Amino acid sequence: MHRQISSSTHDSYPPKLAPATPLTHPELVASLEATLAQRQPGPVWLFAYGSLIWRPECPAVAVRRARVHGYHRGLYLWSQLHRGTPEQPGLVLGLDRGGSCSGFAYQLPDDQLDDHLLALWKREMPDGSYRPRWLQCHLEDGSKVQALGFVLKRNLPCYAGSLSDDILNRVLTEACGHFGTTLEYVERTITALRAHAMPDRNLEALLQRYRSAPLLEAMQG
């Protein structure tokens, strides 16, 4: 069991957030280059724990079921673009400290690697909300690889932490961004994880509580 993280700074919805500032192209490239400079020699692996499972950004020459220890998956990051707006932010998943997380490790091809990684950075790091980290991934065959993962930055205002069901229900009902609703994002992630026999019980319980909640007219008042 991972420790629940409370967030006292986001006790109402919508939260009071400054508009997200997109990283410039040079800033994206600098972040990518700094991350690559820290990797060990060998193939580049990517750890997918959320939407990258059901909507991969890069081709892969190998795909393995994997688990990382020391981090868990949580709906802890405010999204003002992909799954929400500045006026009604949505939520997306991130890796946060504690517990463990199942997912997939993708070995990326060497051919056009820089182009593939830049496309990944534009998707995952538009405003620098994550910290790219090289994580030790335990593959299903017992071997280990160093894999790129996107870890939450707890010191940023966009870090939501663990929210009350009242707020989560409003987000799931109201938030919609460039790529669709937060609700669709959660549903597709749950479906993909269950299809690969690695269900996320916490996400499933969250969605079940939402579906069992009273009609949302009461929450609009």
C-alpha atoms as a PDB file:
ATOM      1  CA  MET A   1       0.000   0.000   0.000  1.00  0.00           C
ATOM      2  CA  HIS A   2       1.277   3.457  -0.839  1.00  0.00           C
ATOM      3  CA  ARG A   3       0.832   6.377   1.488  1.00  0.00           C
ATOM      4  CA  GLN A   4      -2.006   8.725   0.601  1.00  0.00           C
ATOM      5  CA  ILE A   5      -0.853  12.259  -0.036  1.00  0.00           C
ATOM      6  CA  SER A   6      -3.136  15.101   0.960  1.00  0.00           C
ATOM      7  CA  SER A   7      -3.178  18.458  -0.783  1.00  0.00           C
ATOM      8  CA  SER A   8      -4.259  21.334   1.414  1.00  0.00           C
ATOM      9  CA  THR A   9      -3.666  23.898  -1.333  1.00  0.00           C
ATOM     10  CA  HIS A  10      -6.383  22.504  -3.616  1.00  0.00           C
ATOM     11  CA  ASP A  11      -9.479  22.228  -1.436  1.00  0.00           C
ATOM     12  CA  SER A  12     -11.922  23.698  -3.952  1.00  0.00           C
ATOM     13  CA  TYR A  13     -12.671  23.416  -7.645  1.00  0.00           C
ATOM     14  CA  PRO A  14     -11.604  24.952  -9.884  1.00  0.00           C
ATOM     15  CA  PRO A  15      -8.228  25.481  -8.209  1.00  0.00           C
ATOM     16  CA  LYS A  16      -6.530  28.848  -8.387  1.00  0.00           C
ATOM     17  CA  LEU A  17      -3.679  28.165 -10.789  1.00  0.00           C
ATOM     18  CA  ALA A  18      -1.601  30.512 -12.870  1.00  0.00           C
ATOM     19  CA  PRO A  19      -1.905  29.747 -16.588  1.00  0.00           C
ATOM     20  CA  ALA A  20       0.572  27.079 -17.649  1.00  0.00           C
ATOM     21  CA  THR A  21       3.595  28.453 -19.493  1.00  0.00           C
ATOM     22  CA  PRO A  22       4.600  26.197 -22.406  1.00  0.00           C
ATOM     23  CA  LEU A  23       8.275  25.360 -22.756  1.00  0.00           C
ATOM     24  CA  THR A  24       9.895  26.847 -25.817  1.00  0.00           C
ATOM     25  CA  HIS A  25      11.435  24.566 -28.425  1.00  0.00           C
ATOM     26  CA  PRO A  26      14.980  25.315 -27.174  1.00  0.00           C
ATOM     27  CA  GLU A  27      13.845  24.562 -23.601  1.00  0.00           C
ATOM     28  CA  LEU A  28      12.343  21.232 -24.700  1.00  0.00           C
ATOM     29  CA  VAL A  29      15.531  20.307 -26.545  1.00  0.00           C
ATOM     30  CA  ALA A  30      17.684  21.312 -23.566  1.00  0.00           C
ATOM     31  CA  SER A  31      15.564  19.194 -21.200  1.00  0.00           C
ATOM     32  CA  LEU A  32      15.797  16.208 -23.540  1.00  0.00           C
ATOM     33  CA  GLU A  33      19.555  16.542 -23.973  1.00  0.00           C
ATOM     34  CA  ALA A  34      20.119  16.889 -20.228  1.00  0.00           C
ATOM     35  CA  THR A  35      18.081  13.743 -19.622  1.00  0.00           C
ATOM     36  CA  LEU A  36      19.909  11.730 -22.272  1.00  0.00           C
ATOM     37  CA  ALA A  37      23.247  12.810 -20.794  1.00  0.00           C
ATOM     38  CA  GLN A  38      22.316  10.979 -17.574  1.00  0.00           C
ATOM     39  CA  ARG A  39      21.473   7.615 -19.122  1.00  0.00           C
ATOM     40  CA  GLN A  40      23.634   4.535 -19.034  1.00  0.00           C
ATOM     41  CA  PRO A  41      25.025   3.086 -22.287  1.00  0.00           C
ATOM     42  CA  GLY A  42      22.711   0.760 -24.168  1.00  0.00           C
ATOM     43  CA  PRO A  43      19.228   0.777 -25.676  1.00  0.00           C
ATOM     44  CA  VAL A  44      16.744   3.454 -24.651  1.00  0.00           C
ATOM     45  CA  TRP A  45      13.718   2.085 -22.818  1.00  0.00           C
ATOM     46  CA  LEU A  46      10.545   3.977 -21.905  1.00  0.00           C
ATOM     47  CA  PHE A  47       8.270   3.073 -18.983  1.00  0.00           C
ATOM     48  CA  ALA A  48       4.583   3.483 -19.879  1.00  0.00           C
ATOM     49  CA  TYR A  49       2.120   3.643 -16.989  1.00  0.00           C
ATOM     50  CA  GLY A  50      -0.818   5.707 -18.316  1.00  0.00           C
ATOM     51  CA  SER A  51      -1.948   6.920 -21.718  1.00  0.00           C
ATOM     52  CA  LEU A  52       1.319   5.770 -23.302  1.00  0.00           C
ATOM     53  CA  ILE A  53      -0.026   2.227 -22.844  1.00  0.00           C
ATOM     54  CA  TRP A  54      -3.095   2.811 -25.006  1.00  0.00           C
ATOM     55  CA  ARG A  55      -1.723   5.632 -27.180  1.00  0.00           C
ATOM     56  CA  PRO A  56       2.026   5.114 -27.653  1.00  0.00           C
ATOM     57  CA  GLU A  57       3.988   8.074 -29.005  1.00  0.00           C
ATOM     58  CA  CYS A  58       6.988   6.166 -30.377  1.00  0.00           C
ATOM     59  CA  PRO A  59       7.500   2.908 -32.249  1.00  0.00           C
ATOM     60  CA  ALA A  60       9.057   0.101 -30.233  1.00  0.00           C
ATOM     61  CA  VAL A  61      11.323  -2.777 -31.180  1.00  0.00           C
ATOM     62  CA  ALA A  62      10.413  -4.656 -27.981  1.00  0.00           C
ATOM     63  CA  VAL A  63       7.572  -4.436 -25.452  1.00  0.00           C
ATOM     64  CA  ARG A  64       7.755  -6.038 -22.010  1.00  0.00           C
ATOM     65  CA  ARG A  65       5.481  -6.074 -18.990  1.00  0.00           C
ATOM     66  CA  ALA A  66       7.330  -4.223 -16.253  1.00  0.00           C
ATOM     67  CA  ARG A  67       7.164  -2.832 -12.734  1.00  0.00           C
ATOM     68  CA  VAL A  68       8.998  -0.018 -10.980  1.00  0.00           C
ATOM     69  CA  HIS A  69       9.407   0.143  -7.202  1.00  0.00           C
ATOM     70  CA  GLY A  70       9.439   3.321  -5.146  1.00  0.00           C
ATOM     71  CA  TYR A  71       6.754   5.055  -7.199  1.00  0.00           C
ATOM     72  CA  HIS A  72       3.026   4.593  -7.674  1.00  0.00           C
ATOM     73  CA  ARG A  73       0.573   5.824 -10.291  1.00  0.00           C
ATOM     74  CA  GLY A  74      -1.852   8.545  -9.192  1.00  0.00           C
ATOM     75  CA  LEU A  75      -4.261  11.096 -10.644  1.00  0.00           C
ATOM     76  CA  TYR A  76      -2.254  13.883  -9.062  1.00  0.00           C
ATOM     77  CA  LEU A  77      -1.441  16.417 -11.806  1.00  0.00           C
ATOM     78  CA  TRP A  78      -3.623  19.318 -12.888  1.00  0.00           C
ATOM     79  CA  SER A  79      -3.929  19.562 -16.668  1.00  0.00           C
ATOM     80  CA  GLN A  80      -4.780  22.909 -18.248  1.00  0.00           C
ATOM     81  CA  LEU A  81      -4.314  21.736 -21.832  1.00  0.00           C
ATOM     82  CA  HIS A  82      -4.565  18.022 -22.557  1.00  0.00           C
ATOM     83  CA  ARG A  83      -7.516  17.112 -20.294  1.00  0.00           C
ATOM     84  CA  GLY A  84      -8.746  20.474 -19.060  1.00  0.00           C
ATOM     85  CA  THR A  85      -8.525  24.230 -19.496  1.00  0.00           C
ATOM     86  CA  PRO A  86      -7.175  27.058 -17.327  1.00  0.00           C
ATOM     87  CA  GLU A  87     -10.769  27.785 -16.299  1.00  0.00           C
ATOM     88  CA  GLN A  88     -11.615  24.137 -15.540  1.00  0.00           C
ATOM     89  CA  PRO A  89      -8.407  22.115 -15.130  1.00  0.00           C
ATOM     90  CA  GLY A  90      -8.519  18.392 -15.568  1.00  0.00           C
ATOM     91  CA  LEU A  91      -6.307  15.746 -14.015  1.00  0.00           C
ATOM     92  CA  VAL A  92      -3.777  13.344 -15.481  1.00  0.00           C
ATOM     93  CA  LEU A  93      -1.641  10.574 -14.047  1.00  0.00           C
ATOM     94  CA  GLY A  94       1.894  10.825 -12.786  1.00  0.00           C
ATOM     95  CA  LEU A  95       4.404   8.780 -10.841  1.00  0.00           C
ATOM     96  CA  ASP A  96       4.611   9.829  -7.200  1.00  0.00           C
ATOM     97  CA  ARG A  97       6.803   8.584  -4.373  1.00  0.00           C
ATOM     98  CA  GLY A  98       5.933   5.349  -2.568  1.00  0.00           C
ATOM     99  CA  GLY A  99       4.679   1.887  -3.469  1.00  0.00           C
ATOM    100  CA  SER A 100       5.159   0.373  -6.902  1.00  0.00           C
ATOM    101  CA  CYS A 101       3.643   0.651 -10.356  1.00  0.00           C
ATOM    102  CA  SER A 102       2.997  -1.865 -13.118  1.00  0.00           C
ATOM    103  CA  GLY A 103       3.127  -0.963 -16.784  1.00  0.00           C
ATOM    104  CA  PHE A 104       5.098  -1.640 -19.936  1.00  0.00           C
ATOM    105  CA  ALA A 105       8.707  -1.061 -20.923  1.00  0.00           C
ATOM    106  CA  TYR A 106       9.165  -0.090 -24.552  1.00  0.00           C
ATOM    107  CA  GLN A 107      12.578  -0.442 -26.183  1.00  0.00           C
ATOM    108  CA  LEU A 108      12.830   2.437 -28.632  1.00  0.00           C
ATOM    109  CA  PRO A 109      14.509   1.984 -32.025  1.00  0.00           C
ATOM    110  CA  ASP A 110      17.899   3.586 -32.617  1.00  0.00           C
ATOM    111  CA  ASP A 111      16.694   4.819 -36.018  1.00  0.00           C
ATOM    112  CA  GLN A 112      15.375   8.395 -35.729  1.00  0.00           C
ATOM    113  CA  LEU A 113      15.632   8.130 -31.942  1.00  0.00           C
ATOM    114  CA  ASP A 114      16.094  11.885 -31.446  1.00  0.00           C
ATOM    115  CA  ASP A 115      12.968  12.643 -33.495  1.00  0.00           C
ATOM    116  CA  HIS A 116      10.894  10.108 -31.565  1.00  0.00           C
ATOM    117  CA  LEU A 117      12.078  11.410 -28.208  1.00  0.00           C
ATOM    118  CA  LEU A 118      11.390  15.021 -29.172  1.00  0.00           C
ATOM    119  CA  ALA A 119       7.824  14.060 -30.105  1.00  0.00           C
ATOM    120  CA  LEU A 120       7.538  12.352 -26.707  1.00  0.00           C
ATOM    121  CA  TRP A 121       8.859  15.479 -24.948  1.00  0.00           C
ATOM    122  CA  LYS A 122       6.322  17.689 -26.738  1.00  0.00           C
ATOM    123  CA  ARG A 123       3.537  15.418 -25.491  1.00  0.00           C
ATOM    124  CA  GLU A 124       4.697  14.728 -21.935  1.00  0.00           C
ATOM    125  CA  MET A 125       6.653  17.893 -21.126  1.00  0.00           C
ATOM    126  CA  PRO A 126       4.728  20.807 -22.694  1.00  0.00           C
ATOM    127  CA  ASP A 127       5.072  22.917 -19.538  1.00  0.00           C
ATOM    128  CA  GLY A 128       7.725  21.023 -17.582  1.00  0.00           C
ATOM    129  CA  SER A 129       5.323  19.569 -15.010  1.00  0.00           C
ATOM    130  CA  TYR A 130       7.190  16.259 -14.871  1.00  0.00           C
ATOM    131  CA  ARG A 131      10.762  15.404 -13.952  1.00  0.00           C
ATOM    132  CA  PRO A 132      12.226  12.886 -16.449  1.00  0.00           C
ATOM    133  CA  ARG A 133      14.001  10.130 -14.528  1.00  0.00           C
ATOM    134  CA  TRP A 134      15.849   6.952 -15.399  1.00  0.00           C
ATOM    135  CA  LEU A 135      14.083   4.276 -13.378  1.00  0.00           C
ATOM    136  CA  GLN A 136      15.039   0.689 -12.698  1.00  0.00           C
ATOM    137  CA  CYS A 137      12.390  -1.432 -14.393  1.00  0.00           C
ATOM    138  CA  HIS A 138      11.853  -5.058 -13.418  1.00  0.00           C
ATOM    139  CA  LEU A 139      10.754  -6.978 -16.504  1.00  0.00           C
ATOM    140  CA  GLU A 140       8.463  -9.994 -16.395  1.00  0.00           C
ATOM    141  CA  ASP A 141      11.338 -12.377 -17.172  1.00  0.00           C
ATOM    142  CA  GLY A 142      13.228 -11.242 -14.066  1.00  0.00           C
ATOM    143  CA  SER A 143      15.721  -9.015 -15.868  1.00  0.00           C
ATOM    144  CA  LYS A 144      16.146  -5.303 -15.207  1.00  0.00           C
ATOM    145  CA  VAL A 145      16.536  -2.337 -17.539  1.00  0.00           C
ATOM    146  CA  GLN A 146      16.985   1.377 -17.047  1.00  0.00           C
ATOM    147  CA  ALA A 147      13.853   3.047 -18.425  1.00  0.00           C
ATOM    148  CA  LEU A 148      12.757   6.629 -18.858  1.00  0.00           C
ATOM    149  CA  GLY A 149       9.802   7.601 -16.678  1.00  0.00           C
ATOM    150  CA  PHE A 150       8.013  10.879 -15.982  1.00  0.00           C
ATOM    151  CA  VAL A 151       7.869  11.643 -12.254  1.00  0.00           C
ATOM    152  CA  LEU A 152       5.763  14.336 -10.602  1.00  0.00           C
ATOM    153  CA  LYS A 153       7.302  17.535  -9.258  1.00  0.00           C
ATOM    154  CA  ARG A 154       5.654  18.017  -5.878  1.00  0.00           C
ATOM    155  CA  ASN A 155       6.894  21.591  -5.503  1.00  0.00           C
ATOM    156  CA  LEU A 156       4.838  22.954  -8.423  1.00  0.00           C
ATOM    157  CA  PRO A 157       1.318  24.441  -8.086  1.00  0.00           C
ATOM    158  CA  CYS A 158       0.077  21.972 -10.719  1.00  0.00           C
ATOM    159  CA  TYR A 159       0.753  19.101  -8.290  1.00  0.00           C
ATOM    160  CA  ALA A 160      -2.712  18.274  -6.961  1.00  0.00           C
ATOM    161  CA  GLY A 161      -1.917  15.411  -4.622  1.00  0.00           C
ATOM    162  CA  SER A 162      -4.778  13.314  -3.279  1.00  0.00           C
ATOM    163  CA  LEU A 163      -8.098  15.154  -3.639  1.00  0.00           C
ATOM    164  CA  SER A 164     -11.487  14.703  -2.018  1.00  0.00           C
ATOM    165  CA  ASP A 165     -14.152  12.748  -3.853  1.00  0.00           C
ATOM    166  CA  ASP A 166     -16.235  15.916  -4.180  1.00  0.00           C
ATOM    167  CA  ILE A 167     -13.499  17.599  -6.189  1.00  0.00           C
ATOM    168  CA  LEU A 168     -12.655  14.462  -8.168  1.00  0.00           C
ATOM    169  CA  ASN A 169     -16.310  14.060  -9.111  1.00  0.00           C
ATOM    170  CA  ARG A 170     -16.480  17.622 -10.376  1.00  0.00           C
ATOM    171  CA  VAL A 171     -13.307  17.148 -12.409  1.00  0.00           C
ATOM    172  CA  LEU A 172     -14.595  13.922 -13.938  1.00  0.00           C
ATOM    173  CA  THR A 173     -17.886  15.627 -14.788  1.00  0.00           C
ATOM    174  CA  GLU A 174     -16.656  18.976 -16.061  1.00  0.00           C
ATOM    175  CA  ALA A 175     -13.038  18.911 -17.247  1.00  0.00           C
ATOM    176  CA  CYS A 176     -12.316  18.649 -20.973  1.00  0.00           C
ATOM    177  CA  GLY A 177      -9.191  19.681 -22.859  1.00  0.00           C
ATOM    178  CA  HIS A 178      -7.467  19.393 -26.202  1.00  0.00           C
ATOM    179  CA  PHE A 179      -7.351  15.584 -26.091  1.00  0.00           C
ATOM    180  CA  GLY A 180     -10.761  15.058 -24.460  1.00  0.00           C
ATOM    181  CA  THR A 181     -12.199  14.678 -20.983  1.00  0.00           C
ATOM    182  CA  THR A 182     -10.499  13.576 -17.807  1.00  0.00           C
ATOM    183  CA  LEU A 183     -13.233  10.947 -17.460  1.00  0.00           C
ATOM    184  CA  GLU A 184     -12.378   9.393 -20.836  1.00  0.00           C
ATOM    185  CA  TYR A 185      -8.690   9.442 -19.910  1.00  0.00           C
ATOM    186  CA  VAL A 186      -9.362   7.551 -16.686  1.00  0.00           C
ATOM    187  CA  GLU A 187     -11.724   5.073 -18.338  1.00  0.00           C
ATOM    188  CA  ARG A 188      -9.309   4.264 -21.163  1.00  0.00           C
ATOM    189  CA  THR A 189      -6.410   3.780 -18.763  1.00  0.00           C
ATOM    190  CA  ILE A 190      -8.448   1.459 -16.550  1.00  0.00           C
ATOM    191  CA  THR A 191      -9.610  -0.529 -19.584  1.00  0.00           C
ATOM    192  CA  ALA A 192      -6.077  -0.874 -20.964  1.00  0.00           C
ATOM    193  CA  LEU A 193      -4.610  -1.979 -17.638  1.00  0.00           C
ATOM    194  CA  ARG A 194      -7.371  -4.527 -17.068  1.00  0.00           C
ATOM    195  CA  ALA A 195      -7.014  -5.844 -20.621  1.00  0.00           C
ATOM    196  CA  HIS A 196      -3.375  -6.633 -19.845  1.00  0.00           C
ATOM    197  CA  ALA A 197      -4.222  -8.254 -16.487  1.00  0.00           C
ATOM    198  CA  MET A 198      -2.651  -5.490 -14.411  1.00  0.00           C
ATOM    199  CA  PRO A 199      -5.680  -3.687 -12.957  1.00  0.00           C
ATOM    200  CA  ASP A 200      -5.173  -0.549 -10.901  1.00  0.00           C
ATOM    201  CA  ARG A 201      -7.483  -1.048  -7.912  1.00  0.00           C
ATOM    202  CA  ASN A 202      -7.209   2.556  -6.736  1.00  0.00           C
ATOM    203  CA  LEU A 203      -8.230   4.000 -10.116  1.00  0.00           C
ATOM    204  CA  GLU A 204     -11.058   1.490 -10.441  1.00  0.00           C
ATOM    205  CA  ALA A 205     -12.339   2.338  -6.974  1.00  0.00           C
ATOM    206  CA  LEU A 206     -12.213   6.050  -7.790  1.00  0.00           C
ATOM    207  CA  LEU A 207     -14.272   5.525 -10.938  1.00  0.00           C
ATOM    208  CA  GLN A 208     -16.743   3.297  -9.113  1.00  0.00           C
ATOM    209  CA  ARG A 209     -17.260   5.934  -6.420  1.00  0.00           C
ATOM    210  CA  TYR A 210     -17.859   8.517  -9.127  1.00  0.00           C
ATOM    211  CA  ARG A 211     -20.429   6.361 -10.902  1.00  0.00           C
ATOM    212  CA  SER A 212     -22.146   5.673  -7.592  1.00  0.00           C
ATOM    213  CA  ALA A 213     -22.269   9.324  -6.530  1.00  0.00           C
ATOM    214  CA  PRO A 214     -25.585  11.212  -6.365  1.00  0.00           C
ATOM    215  CA  LEU A 215     -26.633  13.079  -9.484  1.00  0.00           C
ATOM    216  CA  LEU A 216     -24.315  16.000  -9.973  1.00  0.00           C
ATOM    217  CA  GLU A 217     -26.919  18.720  -9.722  1.00  0.00           C
ATOM    218  CA  ALA A 218     -26.161  18.713  -5.991  1.00  0.00           C
ATOM    219  CA  MET A 219     -22.496  19.402  -6.697  1.00  0.00           C
ATOM    220  CA  GLN A 220     -23.241  22.361  -8.893  1.00  0.00           C
ATOM    221  CA  GLY A 221     -24.636  24.350  -5.978  1.00  0.00           C
END
